[in-house]
């Protein structure tokens, strides 16, 4: 059997990920005496964008925190203002604005 000819690829996301020089500094915040870390904007689940676009802030923060941190995060009430401040801080940390 002859060796397979490489398939031409227009966009190699694997190569881009290896070459990425993006600042991977996590965004952390403290609330109710606990420190949390949000997923990096370049590594978070794409559904975060849909949740933010639809104004589903609870879904967005759940996706960014992950299940384990989200369980701790929701042990005490979190105001809508605090949630907006957290998401705003996260987006500013990566040079984005909410809605992007």
PDB file of N, CA and C in Angstrom:
ATOM      1  N   UNK A   1       0.854  -1.178   0.000  1.00  0.00           N
ATOM      2  CA  UNK A   1       0.000   0.000   0.000  1.00  0.00           C
ATOM      3  C   UNK A   1       0.900   1.241   0.000  1.00  0.00           C
ATOM      4  N   UNK A   2       0.612   2.165  -0.879  1.00  0.00           N
ATOM      5  CA  UNK A   2       1.399   3.396  -0.999  1.00  0.00           C
ATOM      6  C   UNK A   2       1.093   4.332   0.163  1.00  0.00           C
ATOM      7  N   UNK A   3       2.109   5.104   0.618  1.00  0.00           N
ATOM      8  CA  UNK A   3       1.852   6.057   1.708  1.00  0.00           C
ATOM      9  C   UNK A   3       0.825   7.100   1.280  1.00  0.00           C
ATOM     10  N   UNK A   4       0.024   7.501   2.248  1.00  0.00           N
ATOM     11  CA  UNK A   4      -1.012   8.518   1.970  1.00  0.00           C
ATOM     12  C   UNK A   4      -0.377   9.876   1.761  1.00  0.00           C
ATOM     13  N   UNK A   5      -0.923  10.582   0.824  1.00  0.00           N
ATOM     14  CA  UNK A   5      -0.485  11.944   0.542  1.00  0.00           C
ATOM     15  C   UNK A   5      -1.090  12.872   1.600  1.00  0.00           C
ATOM     16  N   UNK A   6      -0.281  13.772   2.189  1.00  0.00           N
ATOM     17  CA  UNK A   6      -0.834  14.678   3.207  1.00  0.00           C
ATOM     18  C   UNK A   6      -1.986  15.510   2.649  1.00  0.00           C
ATOM     19  N   UNK A   7      -2.990  15.678   3.467  1.00  0.00           N
ATOM     20  CA  UNK A   7      -4.158  16.471   3.091  1.00  0.00           C
ATOM     21  C   UNK A   7      -3.836  17.944   3.334  1.00  0.00           C
ATOM     22  N   UNK A   8      -4.130  18.768   2.348  1.00  0.00           N
ATOM     23  CA  UNK A   8      -3.921  20.216   2.510  1.00  0.00           C
ATOM     24  C   UNK A   8      -4.937  20.749   3.515  1.00  0.00           C
ATOM     25  N   UNK A   9      -4.465  21.568   4.433  1.00  0.00           N
ATOM     26  CA  UNK A   9      -5.320  22.137   5.474  1.00  0.00           C
ATOM     27  C   UNK A   9      -5.228  23.647   5.386  1.00  0.00           C
ATOM     28  N   UNK A  10      -6.378  24.294   5.335  1.00  0.00           N
ATOM     29  CA  UNK A  10      -6.400  25.751   5.250  1.00  0.00           C
ATOM     30  C   UNK A  10      -6.154  26.428   6.587  1.00  0.00           C
ATOM     31  N   UNK A  11      -6.599  25.820   7.659  1.00  0.00           N
ATOM     32  CA  UNK A  11      -6.432  26.399   8.990  1.00  0.00           C
ATOM     33  C   UNK A  11      -6.073  25.280   9.951  1.00  0.00           C
ATOM     34  N   UNK A  12      -4.864  25.280  10.447  1.00  0.00           N
ATOM     35  CA  UNK A  12      -4.396  24.246  11.363  1.00  0.00           C
ATOM     36  C   UNK A  12      -4.445  24.781  12.786  1.00  0.00           C
ATOM     37  N   UNK A  13      -5.554  24.514  13.471  1.00  0.00           N
ATOM     38  CA  UNK A  13      -5.734  25.001  14.837  1.00  0.00           C
ATOM     39  C   UNK A  13      -4.747  24.359  15.800  1.00  0.00           C
ATOM     40  N   UNK A  14      -4.349  23.125  15.516  1.00  0.00           N
ATOM     41  CA  UNK A  14      -3.356  22.470  16.372  1.00  0.00           C
ATOM     42  C   UNK A  14      -2.035  23.219  16.323  1.00  0.00           C
ATOM     43  N   UNK A  15      -1.613  23.632  15.128  1.00  0.00           N
ATOM     44  CA  UNK A  15      -0.363  24.379  14.987  1.00  0.00           C
ATOM     45  C   UNK A  15      -0.473  25.738  15.661  1.00  0.00           C
ATOM     46  N   UNK A  16      -1.614  26.383  15.511  1.00  0.00           N
ATOM     47  CA  UNK A  16      -1.810  27.688  16.151  1.00  0.00           C
ATOM     48  C   UNK A  16      -1.735  27.564  17.666  1.00  0.00           C
ATOM     49  N   UNK A  17      -2.311  26.508  18.205  1.00  0.00           N
ATOM     50  CA  UNK A  17      -2.277  26.309  19.659  1.00  0.00           C
ATOM     51  C   UNK A  17      -0.840  26.108  20.136  1.00  0.00           C
ATOM     52  N   UNK A  18      -0.038  25.396  19.353  1.00  0.00           N
ATOM     53  CA  UNK A  18       1.360  25.172  19.737  1.00  0.00           C
ATOM     54  C   UNK A  18       2.157  26.473  19.667  1.00  0.00           C
ATOM     55  N   UNK A  19       1.802  27.339  18.743  1.00  0.00           N
ATOM     56  CA  UNK A  19       2.543  28.581  18.537  1.00  0.00           C
ATOM     57  C   UNK A  19       2.029  29.735  19.390  1.00  0.00           C
ATOM     58  N   UNK A  20       0.913  29.539  20.046  1.00  0.00           N
ATOM     59  CA  UNK A  20       0.271  30.635  20.782  1.00  0.00           C
ATOM     60  C   UNK A  20       1.222  31.239  21.807  1.00  0.00           C
ATOM     61  N   UNK A  21       1.268  32.561  21.787  1.00  0.00           N
ATOM     62  CA  UNK A  21       2.070  33.288  22.780  1.00  0.00           C
ATOM     63  C   UNK A  21       1.163  34.119  23.669  1.00  0.00           C
ATOM     64  N   UNK A  22      -0.128  33.847  23.606  1.00  0.00           N
ATOM     65  CA  UNK A  22      -1.110  34.591  24.380  1.00  0.00           C
ATOM     66  C   UNK A  22      -0.801  34.469  25.872  1.00  0.00           C
ATOM     67  N   UNK A  23      -1.040  35.538  26.594  1.00  0.00           N
ATOM     68  CA  UNK A  23      -0.836  35.545  28.045  1.00  0.00           C
ATOM     69  C   UNK A  23      -1.833  34.591  28.686  1.00  0.00           C
ATOM     70  N   UNK A  24      -1.340  33.550  29.307  1.00  0.00           N
ATOM     71  CA  UNK A  24      -2.192  32.545  29.924  1.00  0.00           C
ATOM     72  C   UNK A  24      -2.421  32.828  31.417  1.00  0.00           C
ATOM     73  N   UNK A  25      -2.111  34.035  31.855  1.00  0.00           N
ATOM     74  CA  UNK A  25      -2.314  34.375  33.258  1.00  0.00           C
ATOM     75  C   UNK A  25      -3.798  34.234  33.584  1.00  0.00           C
ATOM     76  N   UNK A  26      -4.133  33.374  34.541  1.00  0.00           N
ATOM     77  CA  UNK A  26      -5.550  33.189  34.855  1.00  0.00           C
ATOM     78  C   UNK A  26      -6.142  34.430  35.527  1.00  0.00           C
ATOM     79  N   UNK A  27      -7.433  34.597  35.338  1.00  0.00           N
ATOM     80  CA  UNK A  27      -8.149  35.662  36.031  1.00  0.00           C
ATOM     81  C   UNK A  27      -8.688  35.063  37.319  1.00  0.00           C
ATOM     82  N   UNK A  28      -8.277  35.617  38.434  1.00  0.00           N
ATOM     83  CA  UNK A  28      -8.749  35.123  39.721  1.00  0.00           C
ATOM     84  C   UNK A  28      -9.523  36.229  40.430  1.00  0.00           C
ATOM     85  N   UNK A  29     -10.422  35.821  41.298  1.00  0.00           N
ATOM     86  CA  UNK A  29     -11.189  36.780  42.089  1.00  0.00           C
ATOM     87  C   UNK A  29     -11.513  36.153  43.435  1.00  0.00           C
ATOM     88  N   UNK A  30     -11.786  37.005  44.403  1.00  0.00           N
ATOM     89  CA  UNK A  30     -12.144  36.547  45.744  1.00  0.00           C
ATOM     90  C   UNK A  30     -13.569  37.000  46.044  1.00  0.00           C
ATOM     91  N   UNK A  31     -14.350  36.077  46.580  1.00  0.00           N
ATOM     92  CA  UNK A  31     -15.703  36.391  47.036  1.00  0.00           C
ATOM     93  C   UNK A  31     -16.025  35.456  48.202  1.00  0.00           C
ATOM     94  N   UNK A  32     -16.640  35.993  49.232  1.00  0.00           N
ATOM     95  CA  UNK A  32     -16.985  35.223  50.439  1.00  0.00           C
ATOM     96  C   UNK A  32     -15.767  34.513  51.024  1.00  0.00           C
ATOM     97  N   UNK A  33     -14.598  35.155  50.925  1.00  0.00           N
ATOM     98  CA  UNK A  33     -13.384  34.606  51.511  1.00  0.00           C
ATOM     99  C   UNK A  33     -12.732  33.488  50.716  1.00  0.00           C
ATOM    100  N   UNK A  34     -13.263  33.163  49.555  1.00  0.00           N
ATOM    101  CA  UNK A  34     -12.692  32.101  48.725  1.00  0.00           C
ATOM    102  C   UNK A  34     -12.161  32.693  47.427  1.00  0.00           C
ATOM    103  N   UNK A  35     -11.076  32.111  46.932  1.00  0.00           N
ATOM    104  CA  UNK A  35     -10.479  32.551  45.672  1.00  0.00           C
ATOM    105  C   UNK A  35     -10.884  31.571  44.576  1.00  0.00           C
ATOM    106  N   UNK A  36     -11.301  32.129  43.447  1.00  0.00           N
ATOM    107  CA  UNK A  36     -11.718  31.352  42.283  1.00  0.00           C
ATOM    108  C   UNK A  36     -10.884  31.771  41.079  1.00  0.00           C
ATOM    109  N   UNK A  37     -10.772  30.882  40.116  1.00  0.00           N
ATOM    110  CA  UNK A  37     -10.022  31.152  38.892  1.00  0.00           C
ATOM    111  C   UNK A  37     -10.897  30.810  37.697  1.00  0.00           C
ATOM    112  N   UNK A  38     -11.017  31.757  36.772  1.00  0.00           N
ATOM    113  CA  UNK A  38     -11.829  31.531  35.575  1.00  0.00           C
ATOM    114  C   UNK A  38     -10.975  31.001  34.437  1.00  0.00           C
ATOM    115  N   UNK A  39     -11.601  30.216  33.599  1.00  0.00           N
ATOM    116  CA  UNK A  39     -10.926  29.665  32.427  1.00  0.00           C
ATOM    117  C   UNK A  39     -10.388  30.795  31.561  1.00  0.00           C
ATOM    118  N   UNK A  40      -9.240  30.563  30.949  1.00  0.00           N
ATOM    119  CA  UNK A  40      -8.642  31.520  30.032  1.00  0.00           C
ATOM    120  C   UNK A  40      -9.556  31.692  28.823  1.00  0.00           C
ATOM    121  N   UNK A  41      -9.651  32.904  28.320  1.00  0.00           N
ATOM    122  CA  UNK A  41     -10.530  33.193  27.189  1.00  0.00           C
ATOM    123  C   UNK A  41     -10.198  32.346  25.967  1.00  0.00           C
ATOM    124  N   UNK A  42      -8.932  31.971  25.800  1.00  0.00           N
ATOM    125  CA  UNK A  42      -8.553  31.182  24.623  1.00  0.00           C
ATOM    126  C   UNK A  42      -8.826  29.702  24.825  1.00  0.00           C
ATOM    127  N   UNK A  43      -9.130  29.290  26.044  1.00  0.00           N
ATOM    128  CA  UNK A  43      -9.330  27.871  26.321  1.00  0.00           C
ATOM    129  C   UNK A  43     -10.731  27.546  26.829  1.00  0.00           C
ATOM    130  N   UNK A  44     -11.570  28.553  27.017  1.00  0.00           N
ATOM    131  CA  UNK A  44     -12.891  28.283  27.568  1.00  0.00           C
ATOM    132  C   UNK A  44     -13.802  27.671  26.512  1.00  0.00           C
ATOM    133  N   UNK A  45     -14.830  27.016  26.982  1.00  0.00           N
ATOM    134  CA  UNK A  45     -15.823  26.380  26.129  1.00  0.00           C
ATOM    135  C   UNK A  45     -16.520  27.449  25.276  1.00  0.00           C
ATOM    136  N   UNK A  46     -16.716  27.146  24.004  1.00  0.00           N
ATOM    137  CA  UNK A  46     -17.336  28.119  23.100  1.00  0.00           C
ATOM    138  C   UNK A  46     -18.748  28.503  23.535  1.00  0.00           C
ATOM    139  N   UNK A  47     -19.397  27.672  24.332  1.00  0.00           N
ATOM    140  CA  UNK A  47     -20.765  27.975  24.779  1.00  0.00           C
ATOM    141  C   UNK A  47     -20.810  29.177  25.711  1.00  0.00           C
ATOM    142  N   UNK A  48     -19.650  29.589  26.258  1.00  0.00           N
ATOM    143  CA  UNK A  48     -19.598  30.789  27.093  1.00  0.00           C
ATOM    144  C   UNK A  48     -20.065  31.987  26.271  1.00  0.00           C
ATOM    145  N   UNK A  49     -19.620  32.061  25.020  1.00  0.00           N
ATOM    146  CA  UNK A  49     -20.004  33.184  24.156  1.00  0.00           C
ATOM    147  C   UNK A  49     -21.506  33.217  23.927  1.00  0.00           C
ATOM    148  N   UNK A  50     -22.099  32.060  23.682  1.00  0.00           N
ATOM    149  CA  UNK A  50     -23.552  32.002  23.496  1.00  0.00           C
ATOM    150  C   UNK A  50     -24.276  32.441  24.761  1.00  0.00           C
ATOM    151  N   UNK A  51     -23.803  31.950  25.904  1.00  0.00           N
ATOM    152  CA  UNK A  51     -24.440  32.309  27.174  1.00  0.00           C
ATOM    153  C   UNK A  51     -24.360  33.813  27.414  1.00  0.00           C
ATOM    154  N   UNK A  52     -23.196  34.403  27.174  1.00  0.00           N
ATOM    155  CA  UNK A  52     -23.046  35.842  27.365  1.00  0.00           C
ATOM    156  C   UNK A  52     -23.913  36.615  26.378  1.00  0.00           C
ATOM    157  N   UNK A  53     -23.956  36.161  25.136  1.00  0.00           N
ATOM    158  CA  UNK A  53     -24.741  36.837  24.101  1.00  0.00           C
ATOM    159  C   UNK A  53     -26.232  36.808  24.442  1.00  0.00           C
ATOM    160  N   UNK A  54     -26.679  35.745  25.100  1.00  0.00           N
ATOM    161  CA  UNK A  54     -28.085  35.603  25.462  1.00  0.00           C
ATOM    162  C   UNK A  54     -28.394  36.142  26.856  1.00  0.00           C
ATOM    163  N   UNK A  55     -27.371  36.715  27.504  1.00  0.00           N
ATOM    164  CA  UNK A  55     -27.579  37.271  28.838  1.00  0.00           C
ATOM    165  C   UNK A  55     -27.719  36.211  29.920  1.00  0.00           C
ATOM    166  N   UNK A  56     -27.274  35.004  29.640  1.00  0.00           N
ATOM    167  CA  UNK A  56     -27.348  33.901  30.599  1.00  0.00           C
ATOM    168  C   UNK A  56     -26.075  33.884  31.437  1.00  0.00           C
ATOM    169  N   UNK A  57     -25.975  34.830  32.364  1.00  0.00           N
ATOM    170  CA  UNK A  57     -24.754  35.004  33.139  1.00  0.00           C
ATOM    171  C   UNK A  57     -24.437  33.800  34.020  1.00  0.00           C
ATOM    172  N   UNK A  58     -25.469  33.177  34.588  1.00  0.00           N
ATOM    173  CA  UNK A  58     -25.231  32.005  35.440  1.00  0.00           C
ATOM    174  C   UNK A  58     -24.616  30.863  34.634  1.00  0.00           C
ATOM    175  N   UNK A  59     -25.103  30.649  33.419  1.00  0.00           N
ATOM    176  CA  UNK A  59     -24.531  29.595  32.568  1.00  0.00           C
ATOM    177  C   UNK A  59     -23.090  29.930  32.196  1.00  0.00           C
ATOM    178  N   UNK A  60     -22.825  31.192  31.887  1.00  0.00           N
ATOM    179  CA  UNK A  60     -21.470  31.602  31.514  1.00  0.00           C
ATOM    180  C   UNK A  60     -20.495  31.371  32.666  1.00  0.00           C
ATOM    181  N   UNK A  61     -20.869  31.776  33.869  1.00  0.00           N
ATOM    182  CA  UNK A  61     -19.955  31.628  35.009  1.00  0.00           C
ATOM    183  C   UNK A  61     -19.766  30.148  35.348  1.00  0.00           C
ATOM    184  N   UNK A  62     -20.802  29.339  35.184  1.00  0.00           N
ATOM    185  CA  UNK A  62     -20.684  27.898  35.434  1.00  0.00           C
ATOM    186  C   UNK A  62     -19.681  27.274  34.467  1.00  0.00           C
ATOM    187  N   UNK A  63     -19.751  27.654  33.201  1.00  0.00           N
ATOM    188  CA  UNK A  63     -18.819  27.129  32.207  1.00  0.00           C
ATOM    189  C   UNK A  63     -17.389  27.606  32.465  1.00  0.00           C
ATOM    190  N   UNK A  64     -17.237  28.851  32.895  1.00  0.00           N
ATOM    191  CA  UNK A  64     -15.901  29.400  33.143  1.00  0.00           C
ATOM    192  C   UNK A  64     -15.262  28.839  34.407  1.00  0.00           C
ATOM    193  N   UNK A  65     -16.067  28.568  35.413  1.00  0.00           N
ATOM    194  CA  UNK A  65     -15.539  28.047  36.672  1.00  0.00           C
ATOM    195  C   UNK A  65     -15.303  26.539  36.633  1.00  0.00           C
ATOM    196  N   UNK A  66     -16.140  25.830  35.919  1.00  0.00           N
ATOM    197  CA  UNK A  66     -16.099  24.372  35.959  1.00  0.00           C
ATOM    198  C   UNK A  66     -16.959  23.888  37.118  1.00  0.00           C
ATOM    199  N   UNK A  67     -17.318  22.613  37.082  1.00  0.00           N
ATOM    200  CA  UNK A  67     -18.278  22.071  38.050  1.00  0.00           C
ATOM    201  C   UNK A  67     -17.820  22.186  39.505  1.00  0.00           C
ATOM    202  N   UNK A  68     -16.568  21.857  39.779  1.00  0.00           N
ATOM    203  CA  UNK A  68     -16.089  21.848  41.166  1.00  0.00           C
ATOM    204  C   UNK A  68     -16.105  23.248  41.777  1.00  0.00           C
ATOM    205  N   UNK A  69     -15.540  24.222  41.054  1.00  0.00           N
ATOM    206  CA  UNK A  69     -15.531  25.589  41.590  1.00  0.00           C
ATOM    207  C   UNK A  69     -16.945  26.174  41.643  1.00  0.00           C
ATOM    208  N   UNK A  70     -17.774  25.839  40.644  1.00  0.00           N
ATOM    209  CA  UNK A  70     -19.131  26.371  40.611  1.00  0.00           C
ATOM    210  C   UNK A  70     -19.923  25.911  41.835  1.00  0.00           C
ATOM    211  N   UNK A  71     -19.720  24.665  42.233  1.00  0.00           N
ATOM    212  CA  UNK A  71     -20.410  24.153  43.424  1.00  0.00           C
ATOM    213  C   UNK A  71     -20.026  24.977  44.657  1.00  0.00           C
ATOM    214  N   UNK A  72     -18.753  25.328  44.793  1.00  0.00           N
ATOM    215  CA  UNK A  72     -18.303  26.159  45.919  1.00  0.00           C
ATOM    216  C   UNK A  72     -18.823  27.593  45.783  1.00  0.00           C
ATOM    217  N   UNK A  73     -18.805  28.106  44.558  1.00  0.00           N
ATOM    218  CA  UNK A  73     -19.221  29.478  44.270  1.00  0.00           C
ATOM    219  C   UNK A  73     -20.681  29.706  44.657  1.00  0.00           C
ATOM    220  N   UNK A  74     -21.502  28.697  44.483  1.00  0.00           N
ATOM    221  CA  UNK A  74     -22.938  28.862  44.718  1.00  0.00           C
ATOM    222  C   UNK A  74     -23.385  28.454  46.123  1.00  0.00           C
ATOM    223  N   UNK A  75     -22.434  28.235  47.030  1.00  0.00           N
ATOM    224  CA  UNK A  75     -22.832  27.891  48.401  1.00  0.00           C
ATOM    225  C   UNK A  75     -23.408  29.090  49.139  1.00  0.00           C
ATOM    226  N   UNK A  76     -23.102  30.302  48.681  1.00  0.00           N
ATOM    227  CA  UNK A  76     -23.635  31.531  49.275  1.00  0.00           C
ATOM    228  C   UNK A  76     -24.211  32.383  48.150  1.00  0.00           C
ATOM    229  N   UNK A  77     -25.171  33.246  48.471  1.00  0.00           N
ATOM    230  CA  UNK A  77     -25.760  34.100  47.436  1.00  0.00           C
ATOM    231  C   UNK A  77     -24.710  35.008  46.779  1.00  0.00           C
ATOM    232  N   UNK A  78     -24.861  35.214  45.485  1.00  0.00           N
ATOM    233  CA  UNK A  78     -24.008  36.117  44.717  1.00  0.00           C
ATOM    234  C   UNK A  78     -24.931  37.094  43.999  1.00  0.00           C
ATOM    235  N   UNK A  79     -24.730  38.382  44.222  1.00  0.00           N
ATOM    236  CA  UNK A  79     -25.596  39.384  43.605  1.00  0.00           C
ATOM    237  C   UNK A  79     -25.344  39.462  42.097  1.00  0.00           C
ATOM    238  N   UNK A  80     -26.325  39.957  41.394  1.00  0.00           N
ATOM    239  CA  UNK A  80     -26.187  40.156  39.952  1.00  0.00           C
ATOM    240  C   UNK A  80     -25.056  41.134  39.677  1.00  0.00           C
ATOM    241  N   UNK A  81     -24.941  42.179  40.502  1.00  0.00           N
ATOM    242  CA  UNK A  81     -23.853  43.149  40.330  1.00  0.00           C
ATOM    243  C   UNK A  81     -22.495  42.469  40.480  1.00  0.00           C
ATOM    244  N   UNK A  82     -22.358  41.624  41.498  1.00  0.00           N
ATOM    245  CA  UNK A  82     -21.083  40.912  41.697  1.00  0.00           C
ATOM    246  C   UNK A  82     -20.783  40.026  40.498  1.00  0.00           C
ATOM    247  N   UNK A  83     -21.793  39.335  39.997  1.00  0.00           N
ATOM    248  CA  UNK A  83     -21.590  38.459  38.844  1.00  0.00           C
ATOM    249  C   UNK A  83     -21.171  39.258  37.612  1.00  0.00           C
ATOM    250  N   UNK A  84     -21.825  40.403  37.396  1.00  0.00           N
ATOM    251  CA  UNK A  84     -21.444  41.259  36.264  1.00  0.00           C
ATOM    252  C   UNK A  84     -20.026  41.801  36.451  1.00  0.00           C
ATOM    253  N   UNK A  85     -19.667  42.155  37.677  1.00  0.00           N
ATOM    254  CA  UNK A  85     -18.312  42.648  37.949  1.00  0.00           C
ATOM    255  C   UNK A  85     -17.265  41.562  37.663  1.00  0.00           C
ATOM    256  N   UNK A  86     -17.569  40.334  38.057  1.00  0.00           N
ATOM    257  CA  UNK A  86     -16.642  39.224  37.813  1.00  0.00           C
ATOM    258  C   UNK A  86     -16.457  39.008  36.320  1.00  0.00           C
ATOM    259  N   UNK A  87     -17.565  38.907  35.596  1.00  0.00           N
ATOM    260  CA  UNK A  87     -17.475  38.667  34.151  1.00  0.00           C
ATOM    261  C   UNK A  87     -16.845  39.857  33.424  1.00  0.00           C
ATOM    262  N   UNK A  88     -17.142  41.063  33.886  1.00  0.00           N
ATOM    263  CA  UNK A  88     -16.508  42.243  33.305  1.00  0.00           C
ATOM    264  C   UNK A  88     -15.015  42.269  33.558  1.00  0.00           C
ATOM    265  N   UNK A  89     -14.610  41.915  34.775  1.00  0.00           N
ATOM    266  CA  UNK A  89     -13.187  41.843  35.097  1.00  0.00           C
ATOM    267  C   UNK A  89     -12.473  40.801  34.269  1.00  0.00           C
ATOM    268  N   UNK A  90     -13.112  39.641  34.078  1.00  0.00           N
ATOM    269  CA  UNK A  90     -12.539  38.572  33.259  1.00  0.00           C
ATOM    270  C   UNK A  90     -12.351  39.026  31.822  1.00  0.00           C
ATOM    271  N   UNK A  91     -13.383  39.668  31.264  1.00  0.00           N
ATOM    272  CA  UNK A  91     -13.270  40.100  29.876  1.00  0.00           C
ATOM    273  C   UNK A  91     -12.229  41.212  29.723  1.00  0.00           C
ATOM    274  N   UNK A  92     -12.167  42.135  30.671  1.00  0.00           N
ATOM    275  CA  UNK A  92     -11.143  43.189  30.625  1.00  0.00           C
ATOM    276  C   UNK A  92      -9.740  42.614  30.766  1.00  0.00           C
ATOM    277  N   UNK A  93      -9.602  41.575  31.579  1.00  0.00           N
ATOM    278  CA  UNK A  93      -8.311  40.921  31.797  1.00  0.00           C
ATOM    279  C   UNK A  93      -7.751  40.396  30.470  1.00  0.00           C
ATOM    280  N   UNK A  94      -8.632  39.991  29.570  1.00  0.00           N
ATOM    281  CA  UNK A  94      -8.212  39.467  28.280  1.00  0.00           C
ATOM    282  C   UNK A  94      -8.355  40.489  27.155  1.00  0.00           C
ATOM    283  N   UNK A  95      -8.691  41.726  27.502  1.00  0.00           N
ATOM    284  CA  UNK A  95      -8.805  42.760  26.482  1.00  0.00           C
ATOM    285  C   UNK A  95     -10.067  42.661  25.642  1.00  0.00           C
ATOM    286  N   UNK A  96     -11.097  42.055  26.192  1.00  0.00           N
ATOM    287  CA  UNK A  96     -12.374  41.908  25.491  1.00  0.00           C
ATOM    288  C   UNK A  96     -13.392  42.815  26.152  1.00  0.00           C
ATOM    289  N   UNK A  97     -14.533  42.962  25.515  1.00  0.00           N
ATOM    290  CA  UNK A  97     -15.661  43.608  26.163  1.00  0.00           C
ATOM    291  C   UNK A  97     -16.804  42.610  26.146  1.00  0.00           C
ATOM    292  N   UNK A  98     -17.644  42.628  27.177  1.00  0.00           N
ATOM    293  CA  UNK A  98     -18.776  41.700  27.189  1.00  0.00           C
ATOM    294  C   UNK A  98     -19.581  41.898  25.930  1.00  0.00           C
ATOM    295  N   UNK A  99     -19.965  40.783  25.332  1.00  0.00           N
ATOM    296  CA  UNK A  99     -20.686  40.843  24.073  1.00  0.00           C
ATOM    297  C   UNK A  99     -19.819  40.484  22.894  1.00  0.00           C
ATOM    298  N   UNK A 100     -18.497  40.406  23.077  1.00  0.00           N
ATOM    299  CA  UNK A 100     -17.608  40.008  21.981  1.00  0.00           C
ATOM    300  C   UNK A 100     -17.554  38.505  21.911  1.00  0.00           C
TER     301      UNK A 100
END
